[in-house]
PDB file of N, CA and C in Angstrom:
ATOM      1  N   MET A   1     171.799 202.665  93.217  1.00  0.00           N
ATOM      2  CA  MET A   1     171.615 201.591  92.246  1.00  0.00           C
ATOM      3  C   MET A   1     172.557 200.451  92.607  1.00  0.00           C
ATOM      4  N   THR A   2     172.035 199.242  92.605  1.00  0.00           N
ATOM      5  CA  THR A   2     172.830 198.072  92.931  1.00  0.00           C
ATOM      6  C   THR A   2     173.442 197.499  91.664  1.00  0.00           C
ATOM      7  N   THR A   3     174.721 197.173  91.755  1.00  0.00           N
ATOM      8  CA  THR A   3     175.413 196.589  90.604  1.00  0.00           C
ATOM      9  C   THR A   3     175.213 195.067  90.623  1.00  0.00           C
ATOM     10  N   LYS A   4     175.543 194.440  89.493  1.00  0.00           N
ATOM     11  CA  LYS A   4     175.455 192.981  89.426  1.00  0.00           C
ATOM     12  C   LYS A   4     176.359 192.327  90.452  1.00  0.00           C
ATOM     13  N   LYS A   5     177.544 192.903  90.617  1.00  0.00           N
ATOM     14  CA  LYS A   5     178.523 192.374  91.565  1.00  0.00           C
ATOM     15  C   LYS A   5     177.985 192.428  92.993  1.00  0.00           C
ATOM     16  N   GLN A   6     177.378 193.548  93.367  1.00  0.00           N
ATOM     17  CA  GLN A   6     176.806 193.706  94.705  1.00  0.00           C
ATOM     18  C   GLN A   6     175.662 192.726  94.917  1.00  0.00           C
ATOM     19  N   LEU A   7     174.816 192.581  93.917  1.00  0.00           N
ATOM     20  CA  LEU A   7     173.705 191.647  94.007  1.00  0.00           C
ATOM     21  C   LEU A   7     174.213 190.217  94.140  1.00  0.00           C
ATOM     22  N   GLY A   8     175.195 189.870  93.341  1.00  0.00           N
ATOM     23  CA  GLY A   8     175.793 188.531  93.429  1.00  0.00           C
ATOM     24  C   GLY A   8     176.386 188.258  94.811  1.00  0.00           C
ATOM     25  N   ASN A   9     177.101 189.241  95.343  1.00  0.00           N
ATOM     26  CA  ASN A   9     177.676 189.089  96.684  1.00  0.00           C
ATOM     27  C   ASN A   9     176.598 188.948  97.748  1.00  0.00           C
ATOM     28  N   PHE A  10     175.525 189.717  97.624  1.00  0.00           N
ATOM     29  CA  PHE A  10     174.416 189.634  98.574  1.00  0.00           C
ATOM     30  C   PHE A  10     173.771 188.260  98.535  1.00  0.00           C
ATOM     31  N   LEU A  11     173.446 187.780  97.325  1.00  0.00           N
ATOM     32  CA  LEU A  11     172.804 186.473  97.174  1.00  0.00           C
ATOM     33  C   LEU A  11     173.723 185.355  97.660  1.00  0.00           C
ATOM     34  N   TRP A  12     174.994 185.462  97.364  1.00  0.00           N
ATOM     35  CA  TRP A  12     175.952 184.449  97.816  1.00  0.00           C
ATOM     36  C   TRP A  12     176.036 184.412  99.347  1.00  0.00           C
ATOM     37  N   GLY A  13     176.005 185.604  99.943  1.00  0.00           N
ATOM     38  CA  GLY A  13     176.015 185.691 101.406  1.00  0.00           C
ATOM     39  C   GLY A  13     174.772 185.064 102.022  1.00  0.00           C
ATOM     40  N   MET A  14     173.621 185.328 101.408  1.00  0.00           N
ATOM     41  CA  MET A  14     172.375 184.717 101.909  1.00  0.00           C
ATOM     42  C   MET A  14     172.414 183.193 101.781  1.00  0.00           C
ATOM     43  N   ALA A  15     172.933 182.712 100.644  1.00  0.00           N
ATOM     44  CA  ALA A  15     173.054 181.247 100.471  1.00  0.00           C
ATOM     45  C   ALA A  15     173.971 180.642 101.513  1.00  0.00           C
ATOM     46  N   ASN A  16     175.049 181.319 101.828  1.00  0.00           N
ATOM     47  CA  ASN A  16     175.974 180.812 102.843  1.00  0.00           C
ATOM     48  C   ASN A  16     175.338 180.781 104.221  1.00  0.00           C
ATOM     49  N   MET A  17     174.479 181.770 104.507  1.00  0.00           N
ATOM     50  CA  MET A  17     173.778 181.778 105.798  1.00  0.00           C
ATOM     51  C   MET A  17     172.808 180.598 105.920  1.00  0.00           C
ATOM     52  N   LEU A  18     172.154 180.261 104.817  1.00  0.00           N
ATOM     53  CA  LEU A  18     171.160 179.176 104.833  1.00  0.00           C
ATOM     54  C   LEU A  18     171.782 177.794 104.714  1.00  0.00           C
ATOM     55  N   TYR A  19     172.992 177.715 104.210  1.00  0.00           N
ATOM     56  CA  TYR A  19     173.627 176.431 103.969  1.00  0.00           C
ATOM     57  C   TYR A  19     173.746 175.654 105.284  1.00  0.00           C
ATOM     58  N   GLY A  20     173.262 174.445 105.281  1.00  0.00           N
ATOM     59  CA  GLY A  20     173.325 173.586 106.456  1.00  0.00           C
ATOM     60  C   GLY A  20     172.133 173.751 107.392  1.00  0.00           C
ATOM     61  N   LYS A  21     171.387 174.850 107.281  1.00  0.00           N
ATOM     62  CA  LYS A  21     170.262 175.081 108.172  1.00  0.00           C
ATOM     63  C   LYS A  21     168.965 174.539 107.587  1.00  0.00           C
ATOM     64  N   VAL A  22     168.942 174.365 106.272  1.00  0.00           N
ATOM     65  CA  VAL A  22     167.745 173.891 105.596  1.00  0.00           C
ATOM     66  C   VAL A  22     167.868 172.398 105.403  1.00  0.00           C
ATOM     67  N   LYS A  23     166.860 171.662 105.822  1.00  0.00           N
ATOM     68  CA  LYS A  23     166.915 170.212 105.763  1.00  0.00           C
ATOM     69  C   LYS A  23     166.560 169.682 104.372  1.00  0.00           C
ATOM     70  N   ASP A  24     165.589 170.327 103.709  1.00  0.00           N
ATOM     71  CA  ASP A  24     165.125 169.853 102.417  1.00  0.00           C
ATOM     72  C   ASP A  24     165.257 170.968 101.381  1.00  0.00           C
ATOM     73  N   ASN A  25     166.403 171.046 100.736  1.00  0.00           N
ATOM     74  CA  ASN A  25     166.673 172.101  99.765  1.00  0.00           C
ATOM     75  C   ASN A  25     165.760 171.985  98.534  1.00  0.00           C
ATOM     76  N   LYS A  26     165.358 170.771  98.195  1.00  0.00           N
ATOM     77  CA  LYS A  26     164.601 170.596  96.972  1.00  0.00           C
ATOM     78  C   LYS A  26     163.282 171.361  96.996  1.00  0.00           C
ATOM     79  N   SER A  27     162.592 171.375  98.092  1.00  0.00           N
ATOM     80  CA  SER A  27     161.299 172.083  98.165  1.00  0.00           C
ATOM     81  C   SER A  27     161.488 173.586  97.968  1.00  0.00           C
ATOM     82  N   TYR A  28     162.563 174.128  98.531  1.00  0.00           N
ATOM     83  CA  TYR A  28     162.819 175.553  98.346  1.00  0.00           C
ATOM     84  C   TYR A  28     163.167 175.871  96.908  1.00  0.00           C
ATOM     85  N   ILE A  29     163.994 175.053  96.288  1.00  0.00           N
ATOM     86  CA  ILE A  29     164.390 175.293  94.903  1.00  0.00           C
ATOM     87  C   ILE A  29     163.193 175.187  93.971  1.00  0.00           C
ATOM     88  N   LEU A  30     162.357 174.168  94.156  1.00  0.00           N
ATOM     89  CA  LEU A  30     161.177 173.994  93.307  1.00  0.00           C
ATOM     90  C   LEU A  30     160.212 175.171  93.469  1.00  0.00           C
ATOM     91  N   THR A  31     160.076 175.669  94.684  1.00  0.00           N
ATOM     92  CA  THR A  31     159.191 176.822  94.916  1.00  0.00           C
ATOM     93  C   THR A  31     159.735 178.061  94.207  1.00  0.00           C
ATOM     94  N   LEU A  32     161.040 178.290  94.295  1.00  0.00           N
ATOM     95  CA  LEU A  32     161.658 179.425  93.610  1.00  0.00           C
ATOM     96  C   LEU A  32     161.508 179.301  92.102  1.00  0.00           C
ATOM     97  N   LEU A  33     161.683 178.105  91.557  1.00  0.00           N
ATOM     98  CA  LEU A  33     161.531 177.899  90.119  1.00  0.00           C
ATOM     99  C   LEU A  33     160.095 178.138  89.691  1.00  0.00           C
ATOM    100  N   PHE A  34     159.118 177.738  90.514  1.00  0.00           N
ATOM    101  CA  PHE A  34     157.717 177.960  90.204  1.00  0.00           C
ATOM    102  C   PHE A  34     157.424 179.444  90.142  1.00  0.00           C
ATOM    103  N   TYR A  35     157.878 180.225  91.138  1.00  0.00           N
ATOM    104  CA  TYR A  35     157.635 181.672  91.125  1.00  0.00           C
ATOM    105  C   TYR A  35     158.359 182.350  89.978  1.00  0.00           C
ATOM    106  N   LYS A  36     159.550 181.864  89.624  1.00  0.00           N
ATOM    107  CA  LYS A  36     160.290 182.408  88.499  1.00  0.00           C
ATOM    108  C   LYS A  36     159.505 182.191  87.209  1.00  0.00           C
ATOM    109  N   ARG A  37     158.951 181.022  87.038  1.00  0.00           N
ATOM    110  CA  ARG A  37     158.154 180.716  85.842  1.00  0.00           C
ATOM    111  C   ARG A  37     156.935 181.610  85.771  1.00  0.00           C
ATOM    112  N   LEU A  38     156.281 181.812  86.905  1.00  0.00           N
ATOM    113  CA  LEU A  38     155.117 182.696  86.946  1.00  0.00           C
ATOM    114  C   LEU A  38     155.488 184.132  86.566  1.00  0.00           C
ATOM    115  N   SER A  39     156.568 184.621  87.106  1.00  0.00           N
ATOM    116  CA  SER A  39     156.946 186.001  86.819  1.00  0.00           C
ATOM    117  C   SER A  39     157.407 186.183  85.386  1.00  0.00           C
ATOM    118  N   ASP A  40     158.070 185.180  84.821  1.00  0.00           N
ATOM    119  CA  ASP A  40     158.526 185.266  83.439  1.00  0.00           C
ATOM    120  C   ASP A  40     157.389 185.220  82.441  1.00  0.00           C
ATOM    121  N   ASN A  41     156.331 184.460  82.755  1.00  0.00           N
ATOM    122  CA  ASN A  41     155.245 184.256  81.809  1.00  0.00           C
ATOM    123  C   ASN A  41     153.997 185.087  82.081  1.00  0.00           C
ATOM    124  N   HIS A  42     154.049 185.932  83.076  1.00  0.00           N
ATOM    125  CA  HIS A  42     152.853 186.699  83.455  1.00  0.00           C
ATOM    126  C   HIS A  42     152.309 187.544  82.296  1.00  0.00           C
ATOM    127  N   PRO A  43     153.139 188.342  81.598  1.00  0.00           N
ATOM    128  CA  PRO A  43     152.582 189.138  80.491  1.00  0.00           C
ATOM    129  C   PRO A  43     151.996 188.265  79.381  1.00  0.00           C
ATOM    130  N   TRP A  44     152.649 187.151  79.079  1.00  0.00           N
ATOM    131  CA  TRP A  44     152.165 186.247  78.047  1.00  0.00           C
ATOM    132  C   TRP A  44     150.829 185.634  78.454  1.00  0.00           C
ATOM    133  N   GLU A  45     150.716 185.229  79.711  1.00  0.00           N
ATOM    134  CA  GLU A  45     149.485 184.628  80.222  1.00  0.00           C
ATOM    135  C   GLU A  45     148.331 185.636  80.176  1.00  0.00           C
ATOM    136  N   GLU A  46     148.617 186.895  80.511  1.00  0.00           N
ATOM    137  CA  GLU A  46     147.590 187.929  80.461  1.00  0.00           C
ATOM    138  C   GLU A  46     147.060 188.109  79.039  1.00  0.00           C
ATOM    139  N   LYS A  47     147.962 188.123  78.056  1.00  0.00           N
ATOM    140  CA  LYS A  47     147.545 188.279  76.683  1.00  0.00           C
ATOM    141  C   LYS A  47     146.681 187.105  76.246  1.00  0.00           C
ATOM    142  N   GLN A  48     147.009 185.894  76.666  1.00  0.00           N
ATOM    143  CA  GLN A  48     146.265 184.707  76.304  1.00  0.00           C
ATOM    144  C   GLN A  48     144.865 184.703  76.908  1.00  0.00           C
ATOM    145  N   SER A  49     144.695 185.230  78.113  1.00  0.00           N
ATOM    146  CA  SER A  49     143.400 185.216  78.784  1.00  0.00           C
ATOM    147  C   SER A  49     142.447 186.276  78.237  1.00  0.00           C
ATOM    148  N   VAL A  50     142.946 187.269  77.505  1.00  0.00           N
ATOM    149  CA  VAL A  50     142.114 188.345  76.948  1.00  0.00           C
ATOM    150  C   VAL A  50     141.286 187.839  75.782  1.00  0.00           C
ATOM    151  N   ARG A  51     141.786 186.883  75.058  1.00  0.00           N
ATOM    152  CA  ARG A  51     141.109 186.388  73.854  1.00  0.00           C
ATOM    153  C   ARG A  51     139.761 185.814  74.122  1.00  0.00           C
TER     154      ARG A  51
END
């Protein structure tokens, strides 16, 4: 089982690896936010489409 601290360290390490290599950070951030919104609202969207 991964702890919050381990996950935070892993994500921070990945961010450090990508820092400076990505030319347009905005497109990556917007894509991640889009997928986050989809995953957060998926159950609600399914309930709405059943009606």
